[in-house]
Amino acid sequence: MDLPQGATGVLKLPQVFSAPAAMDGRGVALLTPRYFRRELAEGRLVQPLGETWAADWAFWPTYPERSRRLRKINALSAWLLAEADKDET
């Protein structure tokens, strides 16, 4: 992503954009470490603060009301919760 010459300040970008910008030396990004394990392990990203904050309210899976009893929706929801729990233990 190219920014205007001399651009400064805070940009609120999705992690998919801010992580590559940080890896390219264009600034600092606030990221979810679990999504960037490989980049952290390879040293392409660093976690200087060593802290993370859990926020139960951060993400909510959404789907149409008519789909709530579909097996595939329930399976995906269960998998997402299990994956999130792995990082909490």
PDB file of N, CA and C in Angstrom:
ATOM      1  N   MET A   1       0.838  -1.165   0.000  1.00  0.00           N
ATOM      2  CA  MET A   1       0.000   0.000   0.000  1.00  0.00           C
ATOM      3  C   MET A   1       0.886   1.231   0.000  1.00  0.00           C
ATOM      4  N   ASP A   2       0.682   2.105  -0.925  1.00  0.00           N
ATOM      5  CA  ASP A   2       1.467   3.331  -1.004  1.00  0.00           C
ATOM      6  C   ASP A   2       0.731   4.474  -0.324  1.00  0.00           C
ATOM      7  N   LEU A   3       1.435   5.151   0.560  1.00  0.00           N
ATOM      8  CA  LEU A   3       0.883   6.314   1.244  1.00  0.00           C
ATOM      9  C   LEU A   3       1.415   7.572   0.581  1.00  0.00           C
ATOM     10  N   PRO A   4       0.692   8.671   0.690  1.00  0.00           N
ATOM     11  CA  PRO A   4       1.195   9.928   0.135  1.00  0.00           C
ATOM     12  C   PRO A   4       2.539  10.291   0.755  1.00  0.00           C
ATOM     13  N   GLN A   5       3.401  10.901  -0.033  1.00  0.00           N
ATOM     14  CA  GLN A   5       4.717  11.321   0.437  1.00  0.00           C
ATOM     15  C   GLN A   5       4.569  12.198   1.674  1.00  0.00           C
ATOM     16  N   GLY A   6       5.306  11.883   2.727  1.00  0.00           N
ATOM     17  CA  GLY A   6       5.296  12.672   3.947  1.00  0.00           C
ATOM     18  C   GLY A   6       4.091  12.442   4.842  1.00  0.00           C
ATOM     19  N   ALA A   7       3.292  11.435   4.545  1.00  0.00           N
ATOM     20  CA  ALA A   7       2.106  11.164   5.363  1.00  0.00           C
ATOM     21  C   ALA A   7       2.522  10.726   6.759  1.00  0.00           C
ATOM     22  N   THR A   8       1.865  11.264   7.761  1.00  0.00           N
ATOM     23  CA  THR A   8       2.126  10.886   9.148  1.00  0.00           C
ATOM     24  C   THR A   8       0.801  10.744   9.872  1.00  0.00           C
ATOM     25  N   GLY A   9       0.866  10.227  11.074  1.00  0.00           N
ATOM     26  CA  GLY A   9      -0.337  10.106  11.879  1.00  0.00           C
ATOM     27  C   GLY A   9      -0.766   8.666  12.037  1.00  0.00           C
ATOM     28  N   VAL A  10      -1.938   8.493  12.590  1.00  0.00           N
ATOM     29  CA  VAL A  10      -2.472   7.166  12.867  1.00  0.00           C
ATOM     30  C   VAL A  10      -3.436   6.777  11.758  1.00  0.00           C
ATOM     31  N   LEU A  11      -3.225   5.602  11.218  1.00  0.00           N
ATOM     32  CA  LEU A  11      -4.147   5.046  10.231  1.00  0.00           C
ATOM     33  C   LEU A  11      -4.828   3.847  10.846  1.00  0.00           C
ATOM     34  N   LYS A  12      -6.123   3.766  10.736  1.00  0.00           N
ATOM     35  CA  LYS A  12      -6.861   2.603  11.232  1.00  0.00           C
ATOM     36  C   LYS A  12      -7.105   1.682  10.047  1.00  0.00           C
ATOM     37  N   LEU A  13      -6.265   0.673   9.947  1.00  0.00           N
ATOM     38  CA  LEU A  13      -6.342  -0.260   8.829  1.00  0.00           C
ATOM     39  C   LEU A  13      -6.625  -1.664   9.335  1.00  0.00           C
ATOM     40  N   PRO A  14      -7.256  -2.485   8.509  1.00  0.00           N
ATOM     41  CA  PRO A  14      -7.375  -3.903   8.874  1.00  0.00           C
ATOM     42  C   PRO A  14      -5.982  -4.520   8.999  1.00  0.00           C
ATOM     43  N   GLN A  15      -5.861  -5.550   9.828  1.00  0.00           N
ATOM     44  CA  GLN A  15      -4.564  -6.183  10.059  1.00  0.00           C
ATOM     45  C   GLN A  15      -3.931  -6.703   8.777  1.00  0.00           C
ATOM     46  N   VAL A  16      -4.749  -7.104   7.826  1.00  0.00           N
ATOM     47  CA  VAL A  16      -4.220  -7.626   6.570  1.00  0.00           C
ATOM     48  C   VAL A  16      -3.421  -6.551   5.822  1.00  0.00           C
ATOM     49  N   PHE A  17      -3.697  -5.280   6.088  1.00  0.00           N
ATOM     50  CA  PHE A  17      -2.941  -4.191   5.474  1.00  0.00           C
ATOM     51  C   PHE A  17      -1.852  -3.655   6.396  1.00  0.00           C
ATOM     52  N   SER A  18      -2.145  -3.551   7.691  1.00  0.00           N
ATOM     53  CA  SER A  18      -1.171  -2.949   8.597  1.00  0.00           C
ATOM     54  C   SER A  18       0.020  -3.858   8.871  1.00  0.00           C
ATOM     55  N   ALA A  19      -0.169  -5.172   8.877  1.00  0.00           N
ATOM     56  CA  ALA A  19       0.959  -6.085   9.109  1.00  0.00           C
ATOM     57  C   ALA A  19       2.009  -5.983   8.001  1.00  0.00           C
ATOM     58  N   PRO A  20       1.628  -6.072   6.722  1.00  0.00           N
ATOM     59  CA  PRO A  20       2.646  -5.921   5.677  1.00  0.00           C
ATOM     60  C   PRO A  20       3.329  -4.553   5.709  1.00  0.00           C
ATOM     61  N   ALA A  21       2.578  -3.511   6.053  1.00  0.00           N
ATOM     62  CA  ALA A  21       3.188  -2.187   6.147  1.00  0.00           C
ATOM     63  C   ALA A  21       4.243  -2.165   7.250  1.00  0.00           C
ATOM     64  N   ALA A  22       3.942  -2.772   8.397  1.00  0.00           N
ATOM     65  CA  ALA A  22       4.914  -2.833   9.493  1.00  0.00           C
ATOM     66  C   ALA A  22       6.128  -3.668   9.091  1.00  0.00           C
ATOM     67  N   MET A  23       5.897  -4.792   8.407  1.00  0.00           N
ATOM     68  CA  MET A  23       7.016  -5.642   7.977  1.00  0.00           C
ATOM     69  C   MET A  23       7.884  -4.932   6.951  1.00  0.00           C
ATOM     70  N   ASP A  24       7.303  -3.974   6.240  1.00  0.00           N
ATOM     71  CA  ASP A  24       8.037  -3.213   5.233  1.00  0.00           C
ATOM     72  C   ASP A  24       8.727  -1.994   5.838  1.00  0.00           C
ATOM     73  N   GLY A  25       8.621  -1.836   7.167  1.00  0.00           N
ATOM     74  CA  GLY A  25       9.283  -0.727   7.830  1.00  0.00           C
ATOM     75  C   GLY A  25       8.538   0.588   7.728  1.00  0.00           C
ATOM     76  N   ARG A  26       7.257   0.539   7.455  1.00  0.00           N
ATOM     77  CA  ARG A  26       6.475   1.767   7.280  1.00  0.00           C
ATOM     78  C   ARG A  26       5.769   2.221   8.554  1.00  0.00           C
ATOM     79  N   GLY A  27       6.046   1.579   9.669  1.00  0.00           N
ATOM     80  CA  GLY A  27       5.421   2.014  10.908  1.00  0.00           C
ATOM     81  C   GLY A  27       5.196   0.872  11.874  1.00  0.00           C
ATOM     82  N   VAL A  28       4.341   1.123  12.834  1.00  0.00           N
ATOM     83  CA  VAL A  28       4.016   0.178  13.895  1.00  0.00           C
ATOM     84  C   VAL A  28       2.571  -0.252  13.708  1.00  0.00           C
ATOM     85  N   ALA A  29       2.287  -1.504  14.025  1.00  0.00           N
ATOM     86  CA  ALA A  29       0.924  -2.018  13.883  1.00  0.00           C
ATOM     87  C   ALA A  29       0.481  -2.686  15.177  1.00  0.00           C
ATOM     88  N   LEU A  30      -0.767  -2.513  15.520  1.00  0.00           N
ATOM     89  CA  LEU A  30      -1.379  -3.247  16.625  1.00  0.00           C
ATOM     90  C   LEU A  30      -2.059  -4.458  16.012  1.00  0.00           C
ATOM     91  N   LEU A  31      -1.525  -5.643  16.315  1.00  0.00           N
ATOM     92  CA  LEU A  31      -1.974  -6.869  15.660  1.00  0.00           C
ATOM     93  C   LEU A  31      -2.368  -7.930  16.673  1.00  0.00           C
ATOM     94  N   THR A  32      -3.078  -8.916  16.210  1.00  0.00           N
ATOM     95  CA  THR A  32      -3.419 -10.085  17.012  1.00  0.00           C
ATOM     96  C   THR A  32      -2.323 -11.124  16.785  1.00  0.00           C
ATOM     97  N   PRO A  33      -1.477 -11.401  17.788  1.00  0.00           N
ATOM     98  CA  PRO A  33      -0.330 -12.294  17.595  1.00  0.00           C
ATOM     99  C   PRO A  33      -0.686 -13.666  17.033  1.00  0.00           C
ATOM    100  N   ARG A  34      -1.817 -14.223  17.416  1.00  0.00           N
ATOM    101  CA  ARG A  34      -2.161 -15.568  16.946  1.00  0.00           C
ATOM    102  C   ARG A  34      -2.287 -15.626  15.431  1.00  0.00           C
ATOM    103  N   TYR A  35      -2.582 -14.498  14.785  1.00  0.00           N
ATOM    104  CA  TYR A  35      -2.716 -14.483  13.332  1.00  0.00           C
ATOM    105  C   TYR A  35      -1.371 -14.335  12.631  1.00  0.00           C
ATOM    106  N   PHE A  36      -0.333 -14.000  13.380  1.00  0.00           N
ATOM    107  CA  PHE A  36       0.964 -13.722  12.776  1.00  0.00           C
ATOM    108  C   PHE A  36       2.079 -14.528  13.441  1.00  0.00           C
ATOM    109  N   ARG A  37       1.772 -15.745  13.854  1.00  0.00           N
ATOM    110  CA  ARG A  37       2.767 -16.594  14.538  1.00  0.00           C
ATOM    111  C   ARG A  37       4.004 -16.833  13.680  1.00  0.00           C
ATOM    112  N   ARG A  38       3.789 -17.141  12.417  1.00  0.00           N
ATOM    113  CA  ARG A  38       4.934 -17.419  11.531  1.00  0.00           C
ATOM    114  C   ARG A  38       5.815 -16.182  11.389  1.00  0.00           C
ATOM    115  N   GLU A  39       5.211 -15.042  11.152  1.00  0.00           N
ATOM    116  CA  GLU A  39       5.973 -13.809  10.983  1.00  0.00           C
ATOM    117  C   GLU A  39       6.739 -13.455  12.259  1.00  0.00           C
ATOM    118  N   LEU A  40       6.125 -13.693  13.413  1.00  0.00           N
ATOM    119  CA  LEU A  40       6.804 -13.457  14.689  1.00  0.00           C
ATOM    120  C   LEU A  40       7.956 -14.441  14.879  1.00  0.00           C
ATOM    121  N   ALA A  41       7.718 -15.718  14.579  1.00  0.00           N
ATOM    122  CA  ALA A  41       8.755 -16.747  14.737  1.00  0.00           C
ATOM    123  C   ALA A  41       9.938 -16.490  13.809  1.00  0.00           C
ATOM    124  N   GLU A  42       9.660 -15.987  12.615  1.00  0.00           N
ATOM    125  CA  GLU A  42      10.723 -15.729  11.638  1.00  0.00           C
ATOM    126  C   GLU A  42      11.412 -14.386  11.858  1.00  0.00           C
ATOM    127  N   GLY A  43      10.898 -13.582  12.794  1.00  0.00           N
ATOM    128  CA  GLY A  43      11.503 -12.289  13.075  1.00  0.00           C
ATOM    129  C   GLY A  43      11.091 -11.187  12.119  1.00  0.00           C
ATOM    130  N   ARG A  44      10.134 -11.458  11.244  1.00  0.00           N
ATOM    131  CA  ARG A  44       9.667 -10.410  10.328  1.00  0.00           C
ATOM    132  C   ARG A  44       8.790  -9.398  11.058  1.00  0.00           C
ATOM    133  N   LEU A  45       8.203  -9.832  12.174  1.00  0.00           N
ATOM    134  CA  LEU A  45       7.487  -8.947  13.091  1.00  0.00           C
ATOM    135  C   LEU A  45       8.035  -9.197  14.483  1.00  0.00           C
ATOM    136  N   VAL A  46       8.038  -8.178  15.311  1.00  0.00           N
ATOM    137  CA  VAL A  46       8.444  -8.339  16.707  1.00  0.00           C
ATOM    138  C   VAL A  46       7.303  -7.850  17.591  1.00  0.00           C
ATOM    139  N   GLN A  47       7.235  -8.421  18.777  1.00  0.00           N
ATOM    140  CA  GLN A  47       6.218  -8.042  19.753  1.00  0.00           C
ATOM    141  C   GLN A  47       6.952  -7.376  20.910  1.00  0.00           C
ATOM    142  N   PRO A  48       7.246  -6.078  20.788  1.00  0.00           N
ATOM    143  CA  PRO A  48       8.114  -5.428  21.769  1.00  0.00           C
ATOM    144  C   PRO A  48       7.529  -5.327  23.170  1.00  0.00           C
ATOM    145  N   LEU A  49       6.228  -5.272  23.301  1.00  0.00           N
ATOM    146  CA  LEU A  49       5.633  -5.125  24.626  1.00  0.00           C
ATOM    147  C   LEU A  49       5.440  -6.449  25.333  1.00  0.00           C
ATOM    148  N   GLY A  50       5.358  -7.532  24.579  1.00  0.00           N
ATOM    149  CA  GLY A  50       5.192  -8.838  25.188  1.00  0.00           C
ATOM    150  C   GLY A  50       3.866  -9.035  25.880  1.00  0.00           C
ATOM    151  N   GLU A  51       2.919  -8.163  25.647  1.00  0.00           N
ATOM    152  CA  GLU A  51       1.620  -8.257  26.307  1.00  0.00           C
ATOM    153  C   GLU A  51       0.511  -8.341  25.273  1.00  0.00           C
ATOM    154  N   THR A  52      -0.533  -9.053  25.636  1.00  0.00           N
ATOM    155  CA  THR A  52      -1.747  -9.036  24.828  1.00  0.00           C
ATOM    156  C   THR A  52      -2.923  -8.813  25.763  1.00  0.00           C
ATOM    157  N   TRP A  53      -3.984  -8.308  25.217  1.00  0.00           N
ATOM    158  CA  TRP A  53      -5.188  -8.065  25.995  1.00  0.00           C
ATOM    159  C   TRP A  53      -6.333  -8.811  25.349  1.00  0.00           C
ATOM    160  N   ALA A  54      -7.018  -9.598  26.141  1.00  0.00           N
ATOM    161  CA  ALA A  54      -8.183 -10.321  25.631  1.00  0.00           C
ATOM    162  C   ALA A  54      -9.407  -9.425  25.746  1.00  0.00           C
ATOM    163  N   ALA A  55     -10.201  -9.454  24.710  1.00  0.00           N
ATOM    164  CA  ALA A  55     -11.445  -8.677  24.715  1.00  0.00           C
ATOM    165  C   ALA A  55     -12.550  -9.577  24.193  1.00  0.00           C
ATOM    166  N   ASP A  56     -13.370 -10.066  25.106  1.00  0.00           N
ATOM    167  CA  ASP A  56     -14.446 -10.973  24.711  1.00  0.00           C
ATOM    168  C   ASP A  56     -15.420 -10.335  23.733  1.00  0.00           C
ATOM    169  N   TRP A  57     -15.466  -9.047  23.700  1.00  0.00           N
ATOM    170  CA  TRP A  57     -16.426  -8.341  22.868  1.00  0.00           C
ATOM    171  C   TRP A  57     -15.881  -8.011  21.483  1.00  0.00           C
ATOM    172  N   ALA A  58     -14.664  -8.389  21.159  1.00  0.00           N
ATOM    173  CA  ALA A  58     -14.004  -7.915  19.946  1.00  0.00           C
ATOM    174  C   ALA A  58     -14.611  -8.458  18.657  1.00  0.00           C
ATOM    175  N   PHE A  59     -14.972  -9.722  18.614  1.00  0.00           N
ATOM    176  CA  PHE A  59     -15.468 -10.317  17.379  1.00  0.00           C
ATOM    177  C   PHE A  59     -16.721 -11.121  17.663  1.00  0.00           C
ATOM    178  N   TRP A  60     -17.668 -11.036  16.778  1.00  0.00           N
ATOM    179  CA  TRP A  60     -18.906 -11.797  16.896  1.00  0.00           C
ATOM    180  C   TRP A  60     -19.194 -12.465  15.569  1.00  0.00           C
ATOM    181  N   PRO A  61     -19.308 -13.790  15.550  1.00  0.00           N
ATOM    182  CA  PRO A  61     -19.720 -14.422  14.289  1.00  0.00           C
ATOM    183  C   PRO A  61     -21.165 -14.033  13.997  1.00  0.00           C
ATOM    184  N   THR A  62     -21.440 -13.752  12.759  1.00  0.00           N
ATOM    185  CA  THR A  62     -22.800 -13.365  12.380  1.00  0.00           C
ATOM    186  C   THR A  62     -23.277 -14.207  11.212  1.00  0.00           C
ATOM    187  N   TYR A  63     -24.547 -14.444  11.185  1.00  0.00           N
ATOM    188  CA  TYR A  63     -25.176 -15.199  10.107  1.00  0.00           C
ATOM    189  C   TYR A  63     -26.669 -14.920  10.160  1.00  0.00           C
ATOM    190  N   PRO A  64     -27.368 -15.206   9.073  1.00  0.00           N
ATOM    191  CA  PRO A  64     -28.812 -14.964   9.074  1.00  0.00           C
ATOM    192  C   PRO A  64     -29.513 -15.838  10.111  1.00  0.00           C
ATOM    193  N   GLU A  65     -30.542 -15.310  10.723  1.00  0.00           N
ATOM    194  CA  GLU A  65     -31.313 -16.041  11.734  1.00  0.00           C
ATOM    195  C   GLU A  65     -31.763 -17.401  11.213  1.00  0.00           C
ATOM    196  N   ARG A  66     -32.150 -17.456   9.955  1.00  0.00           N
ATOM    197  CA  ARG A  66     -32.650 -18.714   9.389  1.00  0.00           C
ATOM    198  C   ARG A  66     -31.566 -19.799   9.325  1.00  0.00           C
ATOM    199  N   SER A  67     -30.294 -19.417   9.481  1.00  0.00           N
ATOM    200  CA  SER A  67     -29.189 -20.377   9.375  1.00  0.00           C
ATOM    201  C   SER A  67     -28.704 -20.899  10.716  1.00  0.00           C
ATOM    202  N   ARG A  68     -29.251 -20.419  11.816  1.00  0.00           N
ATOM    203  CA  ARG A  68     -28.667 -20.726  13.125  1.00  0.00           C
ATOM    204  C   ARG A  68     -28.698 -22.197  13.491  1.00  0.00           C
ATOM    205  N   ARG A  69     -29.563 -22.979  12.912  1.00  0.00           N
ATOM    206  CA  ARG A  69     -29.628 -24.407  13.248  1.00  0.00           C
ATOM    207  C   ARG A  69     -28.917 -25.288  12.219  1.00  0.00           C
ATOM    208  N   LEU A  70     -28.310 -24.696  11.223  1.00  0.00           N
ATOM    209  CA  LEU A  70     -27.587 -25.491  10.225  1.00  0.00           C
ATOM    210  C   LEU A  70     -26.359 -26.134  10.860  1.00  0.00           C
ATOM    211  N   ARG A  71     -26.136 -27.395  10.521  1.00  0.00           N
ATOM    212  CA  ARG A  71     -24.984 -28.117  11.076  1.00  0.00           C
ATOM    213  C   ARG A  71     -23.672 -27.413  10.773  1.00  0.00           C
ATOM    214  N   LYS A  72     -23.525 -26.910   9.545  1.00  0.00           N
ATOM    215  CA  LYS A  72     -22.254 -26.279   9.181  1.00  0.00           C
ATOM    216  C   LYS A  72     -22.009 -24.994   9.983  1.00  0.00           C
ATOM    217  N   ILE A  73     -23.053 -24.260  10.312  1.00  0.00           N
ATOM    218  CA  ILE A  73     -22.905 -23.053  11.135  1.00  0.00           C
ATOM    219  C   ILE A  73     -22.488 -23.432  12.550  1.00  0.00           C
ATOM    220  N   ASN A  74     -23.147 -24.436  13.108  1.00  0.00           N
ATOM    221  CA  ASN A  74     -22.799 -24.893  14.460  1.00  0.00           C
ATOM    222  C   ASN A  74     -21.396 -25.475  14.507  1.00  0.00           C
ATOM    223  N   ALA A  75     -20.997 -26.204  13.464  1.00  0.00           N
ATOM    224  CA  ALA A  75     -19.648 -26.777  13.418  1.00  0.00           C
ATOM    225  C   ALA A  75     -18.597 -25.674  13.342  1.00  0.00           C
ATOM    226  N   LEU A  76     -18.840 -24.675  12.516  1.00  0.00           N
ATOM    227  CA  LEU A  76     -17.888 -23.571  12.405  1.00  0.00           C
ATOM    228  C   LEU A  76     -17.794 -22.809  13.726  1.00  0.00           C
ATOM    229  N   SER A  77     -18.918 -22.539  14.345  1.00  0.00           N
ATOM    230  CA  SER A  77     -18.907 -21.834  15.630  1.00  0.00           C
ATOM    231  C   SER A  77     -18.138 -22.620  16.689  1.00  0.00           C
ATOM    232  N   ALA A  78     -18.359 -23.922  16.748  1.00  0.00           N
ATOM    233  CA  ALA A  78     -17.649 -24.766  17.719  1.00  0.00           C
ATOM    234  C   ALA A  78     -16.152 -24.753  17.446  1.00  0.00           C
ATOM    235  N   TRP A  79     -15.771 -24.836  16.178  1.00  0.00           N
ATOM    236  CA  TRP A  79     -14.351 -24.832  15.814  1.00  0.00           C
ATOM    237  C   TRP A  79     -13.710 -23.495  16.193  1.00  0.00           C
ATOM    238  N   LEU A  80     -14.376 -22.388  15.882  1.00  0.00           N
ATOM    239  CA  LEU A  80     -13.831 -21.075  16.223  1.00  0.00           C
ATOM    240  C   LEU A  80     -13.608 -20.933  17.727  1.00  0.00           C
ATOM    241  N   LEU A  81     -14.576 -21.370  18.504  1.00  0.00           N
ATOM    242  CA  LEU A  81     -14.431 -21.302  19.962  1.00  0.00           C
ATOM    243  C   LEU A  81     -13.287 -22.181  20.453  1.00  0.00           C
ATOM    244  N   ALA A  82     -13.145 -23.370  19.884  1.00  0.00           N
ATOM    245  CA  ALA A  82     -12.055 -24.270  20.278  1.00  0.00           C
ATOM    246  C   ALA A  82     -10.699 -23.660  19.937  1.00  0.00           C
ATOM    247  N   GLU A  83     -10.581 -23.049  18.761  1.00  0.00           N
ATOM    248  CA  GLU A  83      -9.322 -22.414  18.371  1.00  0.00           C
ATOM    249  C   GLU A  83      -8.995 -21.245  19.294  1.00  0.00           C
ATOM    250  N   ALA A  84      -9.982 -20.455  19.630  1.00  0.00           N
ATOM    251  CA  ALA A  84      -9.757 -19.325  20.538  1.00  0.00           C
ATOM    252  C   ALA A  84      -9.328 -19.817  21.915  1.00  0.00           C
ATOM    253  N   ASP A  85      -9.922 -20.913  22.376  1.00  0.00           N
ATOM    254  CA  ASP A  85      -9.566 -21.470  23.684  1.00  0.00           C
ATOM    255  C   ASP A  85      -8.137 -21.981  23.717  1.00  0.00           C
ATOM    256  N   LYS A  86      -7.607 -22.450  22.589  1.00  0.00           N
ATOM    257  CA  LYS A  86      -6.227 -22.952  22.544  1.00  0.00           C
ATOM    258  C   LYS A  86      -5.241 -21.873  22.963  1.00  0.00           C
ATOM    259  N   ASP A  87      -5.482 -20.648  22.552  1.00  0.00           N
ATOM    260  CA  ASP A  87      -4.570 -19.558  22.878  1.00  0.00           C
ATOM    261  C   ASP A  87      -4.744 -19.046  24.293  1.00  0.00           C
ATOM    262  N   GLU A  88      -5.837 -19.373  24.926  1.00  0.00           N
ATOM    263  CA  GLU A  88      -6.099 -18.901  26.281  1.00  0.00           C
ATOM    264  C   GLU A  88      -5.488 -19.819  27.334  1.00  0.00           C
ATOM    265  N   THR A  89      -5.080 -21.037  26.936  1.00  0.00           N
ATOM    266  CA  THR A  89      -4.534 -21.985  27.910  1.00  0.00           C
ATOM    267  C   THR A  89      -3.039 -22.085  27.802  1.00  0.00           C
TER     268      THR A  89
END
